[in-house]
Amino acid sequence: MPLELYARTQRKSPRFFYKQLRKPYYEAGVESNLRVVIAREKQTCTALLAGNHDQIRRFLASVS
């Protein structure tokens, strides 16, 4: 199988991400379709919202 054909037909593993937005808010997700905002305080993490990029931005604007 030519390398170009192999590269186009093989699915890559989904990308997981977890990053700090601003304290105490973090964001986690798989790929870019669904994101989850997490409030983290000491050892406790609470999921606050699941949504797309625009929904997360609106949420962060409302709590600033």
N, C-alpha and C. Protein backbone atom coordinates (compact mmCIF):
# COMPACT_ATOMS: atom_id res chain seq x y z
N MET A 1 0.86 -1.18 0.00
CA MET A 1 0.00 0.00 0.00
C MET A 1 0.90 1.24 0.00
N PRO A 2 0.67 2.17 -0.91
CA PRO A 2 1.49 3.39 -0.93
C PRO A 2 1.30 4.19 0.37
N LEU A 3 2.34 4.85 0.79
CA LEU A 3 2.32 5.61 2.04
C LEU A 3 1.22 6.67 2.04
N GLU A 4 0.99 7.35 0.93
CA GLU A 4 -0.04 8.39 0.86
C GLU A 4 -1.42 7.80 1.12
N LEU A 5 -1.70 6.65 0.52
CA LEU A 5 -3.00 6.00 0.72
C LEU A 5 -3.14 5.55 2.17
N TYR A 6 -2.09 5.00 2.75
CA TYR A 6 -2.12 4.57 4.14
C TYR A 6 -2.41 5.75 5.06
N ALA A 7 -1.77 6.89 4.82
CA ALA A 7 -1.96 8.08 5.65
C ALA A 7 -3.39 8.58 5.57
N ARG A 8 -4.03 8.46 4.43
CA ARG A 8 -5.40 8.95 4.29
C ARG A 8 -6.43 8.00 4.87
N THR A 9 -6.13 6.70 4.92
CA THR A 9 -7.14 5.73 5.35
C THR A 9 -7.02 5.33 6.81
N GLN A 10 -5.91 5.60 7.46
CA GLN A 10 -5.73 5.22 8.85
C GLN A 10 -6.23 6.32 9.77
N ARG A 11 -7.08 5.97 10.71
CA ARG A 11 -7.62 6.95 11.64
C ARG A 11 -6.63 7.16 12.79
N LYS A 12 -6.41 8.40 13.12
CA LYS A 12 -5.55 8.72 14.25
C LYS A 12 -6.33 8.60 15.54
N SER A 13 -5.64 8.44 16.64
CA SER A 13 -6.30 8.38 17.94
C SER A 13 -6.92 9.73 18.27
N PRO A 14 -8.06 9.75 18.95
CA PRO A 14 -8.65 11.03 19.34
C PRO A 14 -7.75 11.80 20.30
N ARG A 15 -7.79 13.10 20.21
CA ARG A 15 -6.96 13.96 21.05
C ARG A 15 -7.72 14.35 22.30
N PHE A 16 -7.16 14.06 23.46
CA PHE A 16 -7.73 14.46 24.74
C PHE A 16 -6.96 15.68 25.23
N PHE A 17 -7.67 16.66 25.77
CA PHE A 17 -6.97 17.81 26.33
C PHE A 17 -7.57 18.21 27.67
N TYR A 18 -6.72 18.78 28.50
CA TYR A 18 -7.09 19.31 29.81
C TYR A 18 -6.19 20.51 30.04
N LYS A 19 -6.78 21.68 30.19
CA LYS A 19 -5.95 22.87 30.35
C LYS A 19 -6.63 23.87 31.27
N GLN A 20 -5.80 24.69 31.89
CA GLN A 20 -6.31 25.73 32.77
C GLN A 20 -6.75 26.92 31.92
N LEU A 21 -7.96 27.40 32.18
CA LEU A 21 -8.45 28.60 31.49
C LEU A 21 -8.06 29.82 32.31
N ARG A 22 -8.58 29.88 33.50
CA ARG A 22 -8.17 30.85 34.53
C ARG A 22 -8.69 30.30 35.84
N LYS A 23 -7.98 30.56 36.90
CA LYS A 23 -8.36 29.96 38.18
C LYS A 23 -9.75 30.40 38.57
N PRO A 24 -10.60 29.52 39.02
CA PRO A 24 -10.40 28.10 39.28
C PRO A 24 -10.90 27.22 38.13
N TYR A 25 -11.01 27.77 36.91
CA TYR A 25 -11.65 27.05 35.79
C TYR A 25 -10.63 26.34 34.90
N TYR A 26 -10.99 25.12 34.55
CA TYR A 26 -10.21 24.28 33.64
C TYR A 26 -11.15 23.79 32.55
N GLU A 27 -10.57 23.33 31.48
CA GLU A 27 -11.35 22.82 30.36
C GLU A 27 -10.80 21.46 29.97
N ALA A 28 -11.70 20.53 29.70
CA ALA A 28 -11.31 19.20 29.25
C ALA A 28 -12.19 18.80 28.09
N GLY A 29 -11.67 17.93 27.26
CA GLY A 29 -12.48 17.45 26.14
C GLY A 29 -11.73 16.45 25.30
N VAL A 30 -12.45 15.90 24.35
CA VAL A 30 -11.88 15.00 23.37
C VAL A 30 -12.15 15.63 22.01
N GLU A 31 -11.06 15.77 21.22
CA GLU A 31 -11.14 16.49 19.94
C GLU A 31 -11.59 17.91 20.24
N SER A 32 -12.46 18.48 19.41
CA SER A 32 -12.89 19.84 19.68
C SER A 32 -14.40 19.98 19.67
N ASN A 33 -15.13 18.88 19.56
CA ASN A 33 -16.59 18.95 19.46
C ASN A 33 -17.25 19.25 20.80
N LEU A 34 -16.82 18.62 21.84
CA LEU A 34 -17.44 18.77 23.15
C LEU A 34 -16.38 19.11 24.17
N ARG A 35 -16.64 20.16 24.93
CA ARG A 35 -15.72 20.60 25.98
C ARG A 35 -16.47 20.64 27.29
N VAL A 36 -15.75 20.47 28.38
CA VAL A 36 -16.35 20.51 29.71
C VAL A 36 -15.56 21.51 30.55
N VAL A 37 -16.28 22.46 31.17
CA VAL A 37 -15.65 23.40 32.09
C VAL A 37 -15.70 22.79 33.48
N ILE A 38 -14.56 22.80 34.14
CA ILE A 38 -14.41 22.21 35.46
C ILE A 38 -13.93 23.29 36.43
N ALA A 39 -14.58 23.38 37.58
CA ALA A 39 -14.10 24.25 38.66
C ALA A 39 -13.27 23.37 39.59
N ARG A 40 -12.05 23.78 39.84
CA ARG A 40 -11.15 22.98 40.66
C ARG A 40 -10.73 23.79 41.88
N GLU A 41 -11.01 23.25 43.04
CA GLU A 41 -10.62 23.88 44.29
C GLU A 41 -10.03 22.81 45.20
N LYS A 42 -8.74 22.98 45.48
CA LYS A 42 -7.97 22.00 46.25
C LYS A 42 -8.09 20.63 45.59
N GLN A 43 -8.65 19.65 46.27
CA GLN A 43 -8.75 18.29 45.73
C GLN A 43 -10.10 17.99 45.09
N THR A 44 -10.97 19.00 44.97
CA THR A 44 -12.31 18.78 44.45
C THR A 44 -12.46 19.39 43.07
N CYS A 45 -12.96 18.59 42.13
CA CYS A 45 -13.27 19.06 40.77
C CYS A 45 -14.76 18.90 40.54
N THR A 46 -15.39 19.98 40.03
CA THR A 46 -16.82 19.96 39.76
C THR A 46 -17.05 20.35 38.32
N ALA A 47 -17.72 19.48 37.55
CA ALA A 47 -18.06 19.80 36.16
C ALA A 47 -19.21 20.80 36.18
N LEU A 48 -19.03 21.94 35.52
CA LEU A 48 -20.04 23.00 35.54
C LEU A 48 -20.85 23.08 34.26
N LEU A 49 -20.22 22.80 33.14
CA LEU A 49 -20.90 22.99 31.85
C LEU A 49 -20.25 22.12 30.79
N ALA A 50 -21.06 21.49 29.97
CA ALA A 50 -20.58 20.79 28.78
C ALA A 50 -21.16 21.51 27.57
N GLY A 51 -20.31 21.86 26.63
CA GLY A 51 -20.79 22.58 25.45
C GLY A 51 -19.70 22.73 24.41
N ASN A 52 -20.03 23.50 23.37
CA ASN A 52 -19.04 23.76 22.33
C ASN A 52 -18.21 24.99 22.69
N HIS A 53 -17.31 25.36 21.82
CA HIS A 53 -16.39 26.47 22.08
C HIS A 53 -17.13 27.77 22.41
N ASP A 54 -18.16 28.10 21.63
CA ASP A 54 -18.90 29.34 21.85
C ASP A 54 -19.65 29.34 23.17
N GLN A 55 -20.23 28.21 23.53
CA GLN A 55 -20.95 28.12 24.81
C GLN A 55 -19.99 28.29 25.99
N ILE A 56 -18.80 27.74 25.87
CA ILE A 56 -17.80 27.88 26.93
C ILE A 56 -17.37 29.34 27.05
N ARG A 57 -17.15 30.02 25.93
CA ARG A 57 -16.76 31.43 25.95
C ARG A 57 -17.83 32.29 26.61
N ARG A 58 -19.12 32.04 26.28
CA ARG A 58 -20.21 32.80 26.89
C ARG A 58 -20.27 32.57 28.40
N PHE A 59 -20.06 31.33 28.82
CA PHE A 59 -20.07 31.01 30.24
C PHE A 59 -18.95 31.78 30.96
N LEU A 60 -17.75 31.75 30.42
CA LEU A 60 -16.62 32.42 31.05
C LEU A 60 -16.84 33.92 31.10
N ALA A 61 -17.47 34.50 30.09
CA ALA A 61 -17.77 35.93 30.08
C ALA A 61 -18.79 36.27 31.18
N SER A 62 -19.69 35.34 31.44
CA SER A 62 -20.74 35.61 32.44
C SER A 62 -20.23 35.52 33.88
N VAL A 63 -19.11 34.84 34.10
CA VAL A 63 -18.59 34.68 35.45
C VAL A 63 -17.39 35.57 35.74
N SER A 64 -17.03 36.41 34.79
CA SER A 64 -15.83 37.25 35.02
C SER A 64 -16.14 38.49 35.82
